[in-house]
C-alpha atoms as a PDB file:
ATOM      1  CA  MET A   1     -21.301 -40.753  -1.919  1.00  0.00           C
ATOM      2  CA  ALA A   2     -24.112 -38.271  -2.147  1.00  0.00           C
ATOM      3  CA  LYS A   3     -24.084 -34.525  -1.514  1.00  0.00           C
ATOM      4  CA  ALA A   4     -26.718 -33.670   0.973  1.00  0.00           C
ATOM      5  CA  GLY A   5     -28.081 -30.350   2.314  1.00  0.00           C
ATOM      6  CA  VAL A   6     -29.816 -30.396   5.647  1.00  0.00           C
ATOM      7  CA  ILE A   7     -32.107 -27.401   5.965  1.00  0.00           C
ATOM      8  CA  GLY A   8     -32.607 -26.853   9.700  1.00  0.00           C
ATOM      9  CA  ALA A   9     -30.097 -27.308  12.423  1.00  0.00           C
ATOM     10  CA  GLY A  10     -32.419 -28.250  15.370  1.00  0.00           C
ATOM     11  CA  SER A  11     -32.013 -31.598  17.175  1.00  0.00           C
ATOM     12  CA  TRP A  12     -33.526 -33.716  14.401  1.00  0.00           C
ATOM     13  CA  GLY A  13     -31.753 -32.019  11.551  1.00  0.00           C
ATOM     14  CA  THR A  14     -28.388 -32.189  13.347  1.00  0.00           C
ATOM     15  CA  ALA A  15     -28.897 -35.886  14.272  1.00  0.00           C
ATOM     16  CA  LEU A  16     -29.748 -36.800  10.645  1.00  0.00           C
ATOM     17  CA  ALA A  17     -26.804 -34.717   9.344  1.00  0.00           C
ATOM     18  CA  LEU A  18     -24.537 -36.682  11.704  1.00  0.00           C
ATOM     19  CA  LEU A  19     -26.110 -39.945  10.405  1.00  0.00           C
ATOM     20  CA  LEU A  20     -25.560 -39.007   6.725  1.00  0.00           C
ATOM     21  CA  CYS A  21     -22.029 -37.878   7.403  1.00  0.00           C
ATOM     22  CA  GLY A  22     -21.286 -41.152   9.136  1.00  0.00           C
ATOM     23  CA  ASN A  23     -22.581 -43.031   6.152  1.00  0.00           C
ATOM     24  CA  GLY A  24     -19.879 -41.296   4.077  1.00  0.00           C
ATOM     25  CA  HIS A  25     -21.989 -38.490   2.432  1.00  0.00           C
ATOM     26  CA  GLU A  26     -20.904 -34.897   2.022  1.00  0.00           C
ATOM     27  CA  VAL A  27     -23.151 -32.843   4.341  1.00  0.00           C
ATOM     28  CA  THR A  28     -23.945 -29.123   4.477  1.00  0.00           C
ATOM     29  CA  VAL A  29     -26.291 -27.915   7.294  1.00  0.00           C
ATOM     30  CA  TRP A  30     -28.186 -24.665   6.978  1.00  0.00           C
ATOM     31  CA  SER A  31     -29.652 -22.530   9.853  1.00  0.00           C
ATOM     32  CA  ILE A  32     -31.159 -19.089   9.682  1.00  0.00           C
ATOM     33  CA  ASN A  33     -29.603 -18.404  13.085  1.00  0.00           C
ATOM     34  CA  GLU A  34     -26.039 -17.004  12.708  1.00  0.00           C
ATOM     35  CA  GLU A  35     -25.137 -17.662  16.389  1.00  0.00           C
ATOM     36  CA  GLU A  36     -26.263 -21.341  16.012  1.00  0.00           C
ATOM     37  CA  VAL A  37     -24.098 -21.790  12.970  1.00  0.00           C
ATOM     38  CA  LYS A  38     -21.104 -20.198  14.695  1.00  0.00           C
ATOM     39  CA  GLU A  39     -21.547 -22.501  17.667  1.00  0.00           C
ATOM     40  CA  LEU A  40     -21.852 -25.647  15.614  1.00  0.00           C
ATOM     41  CA  ASP A  41     -18.875 -24.753  13.334  1.00  0.00           C
ATOM     42  CA  THR A  42     -16.540 -23.809  16.318  1.00  0.00           C
ATOM     43  CA  LYS A  43     -17.688 -26.140  19.128  1.00  0.00           C
ATOM     44  CA  ARG A  44     -18.634 -29.123  16.927  1.00  0.00           C
ATOM     45  CA  GLU A  45     -21.552 -29.758  19.230  1.00  0.00           C
ATOM     46  CA  HIS A  46     -25.182 -28.608  19.537  1.00  0.00           C
ATOM     47  CA  THR A  47     -24.906 -27.827  23.244  1.00  0.00           C
ATOM     48  CA  SER A  48     -28.619 -26.948  23.785  1.00  0.00           C
ATOM     49  CA  LYS A  49     -30.246 -29.601  21.492  1.00  0.00           C
ATOM     50  CA  LEU A  50     -27.755 -32.585  21.439  1.00  0.00           C
ATOM     51  CA  PRO A  51     -25.327 -32.090  24.287  1.00  0.00           C
ATOM     52  CA  GLY A  52     -22.404 -34.448  24.276  1.00  0.00           C
ATOM     53  CA  VAL A  53     -22.907 -35.503  20.649  1.00  0.00           C
ATOM     54  CA  LYS A  54     -19.695 -34.562  18.797  1.00  0.00           C
ATOM     55  CA  LEU A  55     -20.031 -33.415  15.193  1.00  0.00           C
ATOM     56  CA  PRO A  56     -17.235 -34.381  12.625  1.00  0.00           C
ATOM     57  CA  GLU A  57     -14.982 -31.699  11.187  1.00  0.00           C
ATOM     58  CA  GLU A  58     -15.957 -32.496   7.651  1.00  0.00           C
ATOM     59  CA  MET A  59     -19.525 -31.448   8.267  1.00  0.00           C
ATOM     60  CA  LYS A  60     -20.266 -27.875   6.910  1.00  0.00           C
ATOM     61  CA  PHE A  61     -22.494 -25.289   8.441  1.00  0.00           C
ATOM     62  CA  THR A  62     -23.865 -22.136   6.669  1.00  0.00           C
ATOM     63  CA  THR A  63     -26.523 -19.402   6.938  1.00  0.00           C
ATOM     64  CA  ASP A  64     -26.442 -19.163   3.071  1.00  0.00           C
ATOM     65  CA  LEU A  65     -29.511 -21.004   1.816  1.00  0.00           C
ATOM     66  CA  GLN A  66     -28.288 -21.148  -1.777  1.00  0.00           C
ATOM     67  CA  GLU A  67     -25.047 -22.726  -0.667  1.00  0.00           C
ATOM     68  CA  ALA A  68     -27.008 -25.368   1.198  1.00  0.00           C
ATOM     69  CA  VAL A  69     -29.391 -26.133  -1.627  1.00  0.00           C
ATOM     70  CA  CYS A  70     -27.520 -25.736  -4.973  1.00  0.00           C
ATOM     71  CA  GLY A  71     -25.539 -28.802  -6.359  1.00  0.00           C
ATOM     72  CA  LYS A  72     -26.964 -31.271  -3.938  1.00  0.00           C
ATOM     73  CA  ASP A  73     -28.165 -34.780  -4.686  1.00  0.00           C
ATOM     74  CA  LEU A  74     -30.484 -34.784  -1.644  1.00  0.00           C
ATOM     75  CA  LEU A  75     -32.097 -32.068   0.452  1.00  0.00           C
ATOM     76  CA  VAL A  76     -33.395 -32.893   3.972  1.00  0.00           C
ATOM     77  CA  LEU A  77     -36.008 -30.343   5.112  1.00  0.00           C
ATOM     78  CA  ALA A  78     -35.873 -30.373   8.865  1.00  0.00           C
ATOM     79  CA  VAL A  79     -37.310 -27.003  10.041  1.00  0.00           C
ATOM     80  CA  PRO A  80     -40.239 -27.141  12.565  1.00  0.00           C
ATOM     81  CA  SER A  81     -43.614 -27.613  10.865  1.00  0.00           C
ATOM     82  CA  PRO A  82     -44.889 -24.067  11.287  1.00  0.00           C
ATOM     83  CA  PHE A  83     -41.968 -22.779   9.248  1.00  0.00           C
ATOM     84  CA  THR A  84     -42.102 -25.485   6.437  1.00  0.00           C
ATOM     85  CA  ARG A  85     -43.983 -23.502   3.861  1.00  0.00           C
ATOM     86  CA  GLN A  86     -42.024 -20.262   4.228  1.00  0.00           C
ATOM     87  CA  THR A  87     -38.687 -22.109   4.140  1.00  0.00           C
ATOM     88  CA  ALA A  88     -39.756 -24.140   1.036  1.00  0.00           C
ATOM     89  CA  ARG A  89     -40.761 -20.813  -0.628  1.00  0.00           C
ATOM     90  CA  LYS A  90     -37.240 -19.434   0.077  1.00  0.00           C
ATOM     91  CA  MET A  91     -35.629 -22.579  -1.275  1.00  0.00           C
ATOM     92  CA  ALA A  92     -37.621 -22.674  -4.487  1.00  0.00           C
ATOM     93  CA  PRO A  93     -35.481 -20.459  -6.703  1.00  0.00           C
ATOM     94  CA  TYR A  94     -32.418 -22.682  -6.043  1.00  0.00           C
ATOM     95  CA  VAL A  95     -34.058 -26.153  -6.488  1.00  0.00           C
ATOM     96  CA  LYS A  96     -33.362 -27.961  -9.637  1.00  0.00           C
ATOM     97  CA  GLU A  97     -35.919 -30.002 -11.670  1.00  0.00           C
ATOM     98  CA  GLY A  98     -36.408 -33.439 -10.094  1.00  0.00           C
ATOM     99  CA  GLN A  99     -34.582 -32.591  -6.906  1.00  0.00           C
ATOM    100  CA  VAL A 100     -35.254 -35.071  -4.187  1.00  0.00           C
ATOM    101  CA  ILE A 101     -36.416 -33.425  -0.909  1.00  0.00           C
ATOM    102  CA  VAL A 102     -37.104 -35.429   2.116  1.00  0.00           C
ATOM    103  CA  ASP A 103     -39.344 -33.840   4.747  1.00  0.00           C
ATOM    104  CA  VAL A 104     -38.660 -35.050   8.217  1.00  0.00           C
ATOM    105  CA  ALA A 105     -40.934 -32.748  10.295  1.00  0.00           C
ATOM    106  CA  LYS A 106     -44.487 -33.594  11.252  1.00  0.00           C
ATOM    107  CA  GLY A 107     -47.545 -31.359  11.081  1.00  0.00           C
ATOM    108  CA  ILE A 108     -50.670 -30.231   9.313  1.00  0.00           C
ATOM    109  CA  GLU A 109     -51.256 -26.565   8.253  1.00  0.00           C
ATOM    110  CA  GLU A 110     -54.319 -25.144   9.969  1.00  0.00           C
ATOM    111  CA  SER A 111     -55.338 -22.637   7.312  1.00  0.00           C
ATOM    112  CA  THR A 112     -55.231 -25.223   4.362  1.00  0.00           C
ATOM    113  CA  LEU A 113     -55.311 -28.563   6.144  1.00  0.00           C
ATOM    114  CA  MET A 114     -52.340 -29.621   3.963  1.00  0.00           C
ATOM    115  CA  THR A 115     -49.628 -32.008   5.048  1.00  0.00           C
ATOM    116  CA  LEU A 116     -46.117 -30.807   4.972  1.00  0.00           C
ATOM    117  CA  SER A 117     -45.196 -32.673   1.761  1.00  0.00           C
ATOM    118  CA  GLN A 118     -48.188 -31.157   0.093  1.00  0.00           C
ATOM    119  CA  GLN A 119     -47.080 -27.601   1.153  1.00  0.00           C
ATOM    120  CA  ILE A 120     -43.527 -28.290  -0.046  1.00  0.00           C
ATOM    121  CA  GLN A 121     -44.844 -29.634  -3.430  1.00  0.00           C
ATOM    122  CA  GLN A 122     -47.005 -26.572  -3.752  1.00  0.00           C
ATOM    123  CA  GLU A 123     -44.117 -24.243  -3.178  1.00  0.00           C
ATOM    124  CA  ILE A 124     -41.497 -26.265  -5.082  1.00  0.00           C
ATOM    125  CA  PRO A 125     -43.480 -27.977  -7.913  1.00  0.00           C
ATOM    126  CA  GLN A 126     -40.259 -29.061  -9.656  1.00  0.00           C
ATOM    127  CA  ALA A 127     -39.233 -31.198  -6.644  1.00  0.00           C
ATOM    128  CA  ASP A 128     -39.591 -34.935  -6.006  1.00  0.00           C
ATOM    129  CA  VAL A 129     -40.852 -34.737  -2.429  1.00  0.00           C
ATOM    130  CA  ALA A 130     -40.475 -37.728   0.009  1.00  0.00           C
ATOM    131  CA  VAL A 131     -40.915 -38.168   3.758  1.00  0.00           C
ATOM    132  CA  LEU A 132     -39.082 -39.878   6.565  1.00  0.00           C
ATOM    133  CA  SER A 133     -41.094 -40.823   9.585  1.00  0.00           C
ATOM    134  CA  GLY A 134     -41.327 -43.302  12.524  1.00  0.00           C
ATOM    135  CA  PRO A 135     -40.334 -43.664  16.126  1.00  0.00           C
ATOM    136  CA  SER A 136     -37.036 -41.780  16.114  1.00  0.00           C
ATOM    137  CA  HIS A 137     -36.109 -39.346  18.787  1.00  0.00           C
ATOM    138  CA  ALA A 138     -33.103 -37.177  17.664  1.00  0.00           C
ATOM    139  CA  GLU A 139     -31.451 -37.714  21.083  1.00  0.00           C
ATOM    140  CA  GLU A 140     -31.155 -41.455  20.398  1.00  0.00           C
ATOM    141  CA  VAL A 141     -30.335 -41.301  16.797  1.00  0.00           C
ATOM    142  CA  GLY A 142     -27.534 -38.806  17.602  1.00  0.00           C
ATOM    143  CA  ARG A 143     -26.106 -41.316  20.029  1.00  0.00           C
ATOM    144  CA  GLY A 144     -26.290 -44.226  17.550  1.00  0.00           C
ATOM    145  CA  LEU A 145     -28.980 -46.191  19.258  1.00  0.00           C
ATOM    146  CA  PRO A 146     -30.826 -48.700  17.077  1.00  0.00           C
ATOM    147  CA  THR A 147     -33.756 -47.044  15.355  1.00  0.00           C
ATOM    148  CA  THR A 148     -36.173 -48.020  12.614  1.00  0.00           C
ATOM    149  CA  VAL A 149     -38.027 -45.562  10.290  1.00  0.00           C
ATOM    150  CA  VAL A 150     -39.975 -45.577   7.108  1.00  0.00           C
ATOM    151  CA  ILE A 151     -39.360 -43.510   3.916  1.00  0.00           C
ATOM    152  CA  GLY A 152     -42.386 -42.699   1.833  1.00  0.00           C
ATOM    153  CA  ALA A 153     -41.911 -41.671  -1.871  1.00  0.00           C
ATOM    154  CA  LYS A 154     -43.880 -41.331  -5.054  1.00  0.00           C
ATOM    155  CA  THR A 155     -41.769 -44.106  -6.698  1.00  0.00           C
ATOM    156  CA  GLU A 156     -40.084 -47.207  -5.521  1.00  0.00           C
ATOM    157  CA  GLN A 157     -37.010 -46.163  -7.296  1.00  0.00           C
ATOM    158  CA  THR A 158     -36.792 -42.919  -5.204  1.00  0.00           C
ATOM    159  CA  ALA A 159     -37.649 -44.840  -2.027  1.00  0.00           C
ATOM    160  CA  GLU A 160     -34.946 -47.455  -2.588  1.00  0.00           C
ATOM    161  CA  TRP A 161     -32.348 -44.815  -3.386  1.00  0.00           C
ATOM    162  CA  LEU A 162     -33.056 -42.993  -0.188  1.00  0.00           C
ATOM    163  CA  ARG A 163     -33.140 -46.179   1.812  1.00  0.00           C
ATOM    164  CA  ASN A 164     -29.505 -46.899   0.730  1.00  0.00           C
ATOM    165  CA  ILE A 165     -28.448 -43.427   1.593  1.00  0.00           C
ATOM    166  CA  PHE A 166     -29.887 -43.355   5.147  1.00  0.00           C
ATOM    167  CA  ARG A 167     -29.607 -46.965   6.341  1.00  0.00           C
ATOM    168  CA  ASN A 168     -26.748 -48.417   8.390  1.00  0.00           C
ATOM    169  CA  GLU A 169     -26.184 -50.975  11.115  1.00  0.00           C
ATOM    170  CA  VAL A 170     -28.149 -48.917  13.681  1.00  0.00           C
ATOM    171  CA  PHE A 171     -30.665 -47.165  11.322  1.00  0.00           C
ATOM    172  CA  ARG A 172     -33.027 -49.565   9.602  1.00  0.00           C
ATOM    173  CA  VAL A 173     -35.160 -48.121   6.922  1.00  0.00           C
ATOM    174  CA  TYR A 174     -38.445 -49.490   5.470  1.00  0.00           C
ATOM    175  CA  ILE A 175     -40.071 -48.048   2.376  1.00  0.00           C
ATOM    176  CA  SER A 176     -43.758 -47.204   1.633  1.00  0.00           C
ATOM    177  CA  PRO A 177     -45.846 -45.563  -1.164  1.00  0.00           C
ATOM    178  CA  ASP A 178     -48.318 -44.253   1.365  1.00  0.00           C
ATOM    179  CA  ILE A 179     -46.916 -40.759   1.964  1.00  0.00           C
ATOM    180  CA  LEU A 180     -50.391 -39.353   3.074  1.00  0.00           C
ATOM    181  CA  GLY A 181     -50.943 -42.098   5.717  1.00  0.00           C
ATOM    182  CA  MET A 182     -47.376 -41.703   7.010  1.00  0.00           C
ATOM    183  CA  GLU A 183     -47.735 -37.987   7.422  1.00  0.00           C
ATOM    184  CA  LEU A 184     -51.125 -38.137   9.043  1.00  0.00           C
ATOM    185  CA  GLY A 185     -49.907 -40.728  11.616  1.00  0.00           C
ATOM    186  CA  GLY A 186     -46.889 -38.571  12.398  1.00  0.00           C
ATOM    187  CA  SER A 187     -48.863 -35.378  12.758  1.00  0.00           C
ATOM    188  CA  LEU A 188     -51.856 -36.630  14.696  1.00  0.00           C
ATOM    189  CA  LYS A 189     -49.865 -38.715  17.177  1.00  0.00           C
ATOM    190  CA  ASN A 190     -48.474 -35.473  18.625  1.00  0.00           C
ATOM    191  CA  VAL A 191     -52.024 -34.455  19.659  1.00  0.00           C
ATOM    192  CA  ILE A 192     -52.539 -37.708  21.434  1.00  0.00           C
ATOM    193  CA  ALA A 193     -49.067 -37.318  23.087  1.00  0.00           C
ATOM    194  CA  LEU A 194     -50.203 -34.104  24.595  1.00  0.00           C
ATOM    195  CA  ALA A 195     -53.103 -35.996  26.147  1.00  0.00           C
ATOM    196  CA  ALA A 196     -50.845 -38.634  27.472  1.00  0.00           C
ATOM    197  CA  GLY A 197     -48.574 -35.958  28.951  1.00  0.00           C
ATOM    198  CA  ILE A 198     -51.535 -34.228  30.568  1.00  0.00           C
ATOM    199  CA  ALA A 199     -52.613 -37.559  32.250  1.00  0.00           C
ATOM    200  CA  ASP A 200     -49.040 -38.097  33.430  1.00  0.00           C
ATOM    201  CA  GLY A 201     -48.895 -34.593  34.920  1.00  0.00           C
ATOM    202  CA  MET A 202     -52.210 -35.239  36.657  1.00  0.00           C
ATOM    203  CA  GLY A 203     -50.749 -38.359  38.296  1.00  0.00           C
ATOM    204  CA  TYR A 204     -52.698 -40.951  36.362  1.00  0.00           C
ATOM    205  CA  GLY A 205     -51.191 -44.315  35.785  1.00  0.00           C
ATOM    206  CA  ASP A 206     -50.257 -46.899  33.156  1.00  0.00           C
ATOM    207  CA  ASN A 207     -53.846 -47.910  32.665  1.00  0.00           C
ATOM    208  CA  THR A 208     -54.803 -44.370  31.548  1.00  0.00           C
ATOM    209  CA  LYS A 209     -51.805 -44.060  29.192  1.00  0.00           C
ATOM    210  CA  ALA A 210     -52.629 -47.564  27.568  1.00  0.00           C
ATOM    211  CA  ALA A 211     -56.137 -46.438  27.021  1.00  0.00           C
ATOM    212  CA  LEU A 212     -55.064 -43.135  25.450  1.00  0.00           C
ATOM    213  CA  ILE A 213     -52.560 -44.792  23.100  1.00  0.00           C
ATOM    214  CA  THR A 214     -55.070 -47.509  22.108  1.00  0.00           C
ATOM    215  CA  ARG A 215     -58.017 -45.253  21.631  1.00  0.00           C
ATOM    216  CA  GLY A 216     -55.836 -42.566  20.117  1.00  0.00           C
ATOM    217  CA  ILE A 217     -54.604 -44.817  17.308  1.00  0.00           C
ATOM    218  CA  ALA A 218     -58.226 -45.735  16.643  1.00  0.00           C
ATOM    219  CA  GLU A 219     -59.023 -42.124  16.085  1.00  0.00           C
ATOM    220  CA  ILE A 220     -55.955 -41.504  13.982  1.00  0.00           C
ATOM    221  CA  ALA A 221     -56.718 -44.567  11.845  1.00  0.00           C
ATOM    222  CA  ARG A 222     -60.425 -43.664  11.388  1.00  0.00           C
ATOM    223  CA  LEU A 223     -59.606 -40.210  10.130  1.00  0.00           C
ATOM    224  CA  GLY A 224     -56.531 -41.292   8.128  1.00  0.00           C
ATOM    225  CA  VAL A 225     -58.351 -43.957   6.184  1.00  0.00           C
ATOM    226  CA  ALA A 226     -61.235 -41.637   5.554  1.00  0.00           C
ATOM    227  CA  MET A 227     -58.751 -39.238   3.995  1.00  0.00           C
ATOM    228  CA  GLY A 228     -57.150 -41.894   1.783  1.00  0.00           C
ATOM    229  CA  GLY A 229     -54.337 -43.236   3.900  1.00  0.00           C
ATOM    230  CA  ALA A 230     -53.785 -47.003   4.187  1.00  0.00           C
ATOM    231  CA  PHE A 231     -54.683 -48.693   7.324  1.00  0.00           C
ATOM    232  CA  GLU A 232     -51.401 -50.556   7.368  1.00  0.00           C
ATOM    233  CA  SER A 233     -49.480 -47.318   7.863  1.00  0.00           C
ATOM    234  CA  PHE A 234     -51.402 -46.624  11.156  1.00  0.00           C
ATOM    235  CA  ALA A 235     -50.830 -50.210  12.385  1.00  0.00           C
ATOM    236  CA  GLY A 236     -47.008 -49.824  11.721  1.00  0.00           C
ATOM    237  CA  LEU A 237     -44.062 -47.788  12.575  1.00  0.00           C
ATOM    238  CA  THR A 238     -45.474 -44.459  11.338  1.00  0.00           C
ATOM    239  CA  GLY A 239     -48.685 -44.956  13.280  1.00  0.00           C
ATOM    240  CA  ILE A 240     -48.779 -47.025  16.545  1.00  0.00           C
ATOM    241  CA  GLY A 241     -44.998 -47.145  16.660  1.00  0.00           C
ATOM    242  CA  ASP A 242     -44.553 -43.392  16.537  1.00  0.00           C
ATOM    243  CA  LEU A 243     -47.449 -42.911  18.856  1.00  0.00           C
ATOM    244  CA  ILE A 244     -46.012 -45.205  21.550  1.00  0.00           C
ATOM    245  CA  VAL A 245     -42.644 -43.488  21.661  1.00  0.00           C
ATOM    246  CA  THR A 246     -44.038 -40.045  21.662  1.00  0.00           C
ATOM    247  CA  CYS A 247     -46.553 -40.810  24.496  1.00  0.00           C
ATOM    248  CA  ALA A 248     -44.083 -42.596  26.695  1.00  0.00           C
ATOM    249  CA  SER A 249     -40.547 -41.045  26.018  1.00  0.00           C
ATOM    250  CA  VAL A 250     -38.825 -38.526  28.255  1.00  0.00           C
ATOM    251  CA  HIS A 251     -37.505 -36.965  25.002  1.00  0.00           C
ATOM    252  CA  SER A 252     -40.984 -36.150  23.730  1.00  0.00           C
ATOM    253  CA  ARG A 253     -41.574 -32.423  23.735  1.00  0.00           C
ATOM    254  CA  ASN A 254     -45.276 -33.005  23.139  1.00  0.00           C
ATOM    255  CA  ARG A 255     -45.512 -35.332  26.163  1.00  0.00           C
ATOM    256  CA  LYS A 256     -43.464 -32.876  28.234  1.00  0.00           C
ATOM    257  CA  ALA A 257     -45.677 -29.900  27.312  1.00  0.00           C
ATOM    258  CA  GLY A 258     -48.785 -31.942  28.171  1.00  0.00           C
ATOM    259  CA  TYR A 259     -47.186 -33.060  31.493  1.00  0.00           C
ATOM    260  CA  LEU A 260     -46.633 -29.404  32.473  1.00  0.00           C
ATOM    261  CA  MET A 261     -50.258 -28.541  31.584  1.00  0.00           C
ATOM    262  CA  GLY A 262     -51.432 -31.509  33.675  1.00  0.00           C
ATOM    263  CA  GLN A 263     -49.561 -29.959  36.557  1.00  0.00           C
ATOM    264  CA  GLY A 264     -51.432 -26.694  36.126  1.00  0.00           C
ATOM    265  CA  LYS A 265     -49.381 -24.570  33.724  1.00  0.00           C
ATOM    266  CA  THR A 266     -50.990 -22.761  30.792  1.00  0.00           C
ATOM    267  CA  MET A 267     -50.267 -23.808  27.249  1.00  0.00           C
ATOM    268  CA  GLN A 268     -48.047 -20.904  26.778  1.00  0.00           C
ATOM    269  CA  GLU A 269     -46.085 -21.431  30.034  1.00  0.00           C
ATOM    270  CA  ALA A 270     -45.590 -25.099  29.000  1.00  0.00           C
ATOM    271  CA  MET A 271     -44.303 -24.212  25.537  1.00  0.00           C
ATOM    272  CA  GLU A 272     -41.907 -21.727  26.925  1.00  0.00           C
ATOM    273  CA  GLU A 273     -40.549 -24.186  29.397  1.00  0.00           C
ATOM    274  CA  VAL A 274     -40.047 -26.899  26.768  1.00  0.00           C
ATOM    275  CA  GLN A 275     -38.027 -24.419  24.679  1.00  0.00           C
ATOM    276  CA  MET A 276     -38.697 -26.254  21.422  1.00  0.00           C
ATOM    277  CA  VAL A 277     -41.555 -26.085  18.968  1.00  0.00           C
ATOM    278  CA  VAL A 278     -44.426 -28.264  20.310  1.00  0.00           C
ATOM    279  CA  GLU A 279     -45.847 -29.465  17.060  1.00  0.00           C
ATOM    280  CA  GLY A 280     -48.945 -31.083  18.523  1.00  0.00           C
ATOM    281  CA  VAL A 281     -50.214 -27.610  19.602  1.00  0.00           C
ATOM    282  CA  TYR A 282     -50.077 -26.488  15.947  1.00  0.00           C
ATOM    283  CA  SER A 283     -51.711 -29.693  14.653  1.00  0.00           C
ATOM    284  CA  THR A 284     -54.675 -29.841  17.109  1.00  0.00           C
ATOM    285  CA  LYS A 285     -56.793 -27.225  15.498  1.00  0.00           C
ATOM    286  CA  ALA A 286     -56.219 -28.640  12.091  1.00  0.00           C
ATOM    287  CA  ALA A 287     -57.099 -32.173  13.409  1.00  0.00           C
ATOM    288  CA  VAL A 288     -60.387 -30.839  14.742  1.00  0.00           C
ATOM    289  CA  LYS A 289     -61.172 -29.258  11.376  1.00  0.00           C
ATOM    290  CA  LEU A 290     -60.255 -32.495   9.546  1.00  0.00           C
ATOM    291  CA  GLY A 291     -62.602 -34.493  11.837  1.00  0.00           C
ATOM    292  CA  GLU A 292     -65.400 -32.095  11.015  1.00  0.00           C
ATOM    293  CA  LYS A 293     -64.698 -32.124   7.307  1.00  0.00           C
ATOM    294  CA  TYR A 294     -64.677 -35.853   7.052  1.00  0.00           C
ATOM    295  CA  ASN A 295     -67.346 -36.358   9.685  1.00  0.00           C
ATOM    296  CA  ILE A 296     -65.089 -38.597  11.866  1.00  0.00           C
ATOM    297  CA  ALA A 297     -65.502 -38.719  15.720  1.00  0.00           C
ATOM    298  CA  LEU A 298     -62.256 -37.558  17.428  1.00  0.00           C
ATOM    299  CA  PRO A 299     -63.187 -37.421  21.169  1.00  0.00           C
ATOM    300  CA  ILE A 300     -59.624 -37.267  22.471  1.00  0.00           C
ATOM    301  CA  VAL A 301     -58.465 -34.818  19.951  1.00  0.00           C
ATOM    302  CA  ASN A 302     -61.454 -32.603  20.723  1.00  0.00           C
ATOM    303  CA  GLN A 303     -60.892 -32.665  24.391  1.00  0.00           C
ATOM    304  CA  VAL A 304     -57.123 -31.737  23.897  1.00  0.00           C
ATOM    305  CA  ASN A 305     -58.323 -28.856  21.713  1.00  0.00           C
ATOM    306  CA  ALA A 306     -60.726 -27.775  24.479  1.00  0.00           C
ATOM    307  CA  VAL A 307     -57.922 -27.799  27.038  1.00  0.00           C
ATOM    308  CA  LEU A 308     -55.429 -25.941  24.829  1.00  0.00           C
ATOM    309  CA  PHE A 309     -57.743 -23.255  23.393  1.00  0.00           C
ATOM    310  CA  GLU A 310     -61.060 -23.125  25.232  1.00  0.00           C
ATOM    311  CA  GLY A 311     -59.949 -22.946  28.827  1.00  0.00           C
ATOM    312  CA  LYS A 312     -61.353 -26.420  29.846  1.00  0.00           C
ATOM    313  CA  SER A 313     -59.568 -27.951  32.857  1.00  0.00           C
ATOM    314  CA  PRO A 314     -57.785 -31.241  32.110  1.00  0.00           C
ATOM    315  CA  ARG A 315     -59.788 -32.988  34.914  1.00  0.00           C
ATOM    316  CA  GLU A 316     -63.067 -31.985  33.290  1.00  0.00           C
ATOM    317  CA  ALA A 317     -61.855 -33.171  29.846  1.00  0.00           C
ATOM    318  CA  VAL A 318     -60.870 -36.676  31.350  1.00  0.00           C
ATOM    319  CA  ASN A 319     -64.291 -36.978  33.110  1.00  0.00           C
ATOM    320  CA  GLU A 320     -66.111 -36.213  29.763  1.00  0.00           C
ATOM    321  CA  LEU A 321     -64.049 -38.881  27.988  1.00  0.00           C
ATOM    322  CA  MET A 322     -64.773 -41.495  30.669  1.00  0.00           C
ATOM    323  CA  LEU A 323     -68.514 -40.733  30.810  1.00  0.00           C
ATOM    324  CA  ARG A 324     -69.194 -40.782  27.080  1.00  0.00           C
ATOM    325  CA  ASP A 325     -72.063 -43.071  26.021  1.00  0.00           C
ATOM    326  CA  GLY A 326     -71.120 -46.784  25.966  1.00  0.00           C
ATOM    327  CA  LYS A 327     -70.459 -48.425  22.654  1.00  0.00           C
ATOM    328  CA  PRO A 328     -68.746 -51.508  21.239  1.00  0.00           C
ATOM    329  CA  GLU A 329     -65.012 -51.328  20.940  1.00  0.00           C
ATOM    330  CA  HIS A 330     -65.203 -52.472  17.355  1.00  0.00           C
ATOM    331  CA  THR A 331     -68.362 -51.869  15.391  1.00  0.00           C
ATOM    332  CA  ALA A 332     -67.353 -54.341  12.708  1.00  0.00           C
ATOM    333  CA  LEU A 333     -67.729 -57.215  15.217  1.00  0.00           C
ATOM    334  CA  THR A 334     -71.166 -58.696  15.866  1.00  0.00           C
ATOM    335  CA  TRP A 335     -72.783 -61.320  18.075  1.00  0.00           C
ATOM    336  CA  GLN A 336     -73.764 -64.520  16.412  1.00  0.00           C
ATOM    337  CA  ASP A 337     -77.214 -65.178  18.024  1.00  0.00           C
END
């Protein structure tokens, strides 16, 4: 049995806390919101984020960050990506040397272009930072539906240890050394999911979505490999797998926000209606800057950015994507004349 502190009581943090508790581990969940902690502790249910999912009595809830961090074998950092750095900074004084921290959010910091694990490592240099990613909506994990994810870690020993803590008969865990590729796939797919949602909101069909998913993963992989990620990560669960589920699922907050914008709502109106952090909005500007830095063409990402922040209409963005100059699908393939 391990002692785990889950930092963040949103839908994903709560679902993973339930998973860990069900695996026999001792779990303490932290939230900065006193009302949220009170509801979780008394009702044993996150009525707004995971309605109908009952939380066991042995699961602890607290607003005391020191209590959630100190004396734990494992820390799961599950706050939304815009709050990762500041939360890690608050955690740092309580984190012991070699403490394993698993980040489960997805995003890129616009000001520094750092992934979340890089931010955590910068704020908590004494920690052993790992990541968990893949096609895994909290709503389904909370209900115990079969799910497969990947854990990325610096060493195989840490990865295997974490695999054994998380895995069970409905939660399969693969391991990988490619933390960077995993994080880039998980972050950039949210931008493509906004595009897929916009297309759905405009009434476009399956052909359009298939094109966005396929050309979207091509953009993600081009950039990710240029930055040092492994192509295999983008072809696997943390790349195309996560992209498919985020573009297609009714649970996807990024797709839903895009859908609302496709129907004519502004970005701000869409985010307010979703009522959760739409991480793709925060990653889009960073993705554009990364494309410029590494000289990688990102046509879908750039059009999403124009719709979000430059006032371009979704229909105009789609027209520009469709009317781009013709090119081979794969430049590595040649005709044998």
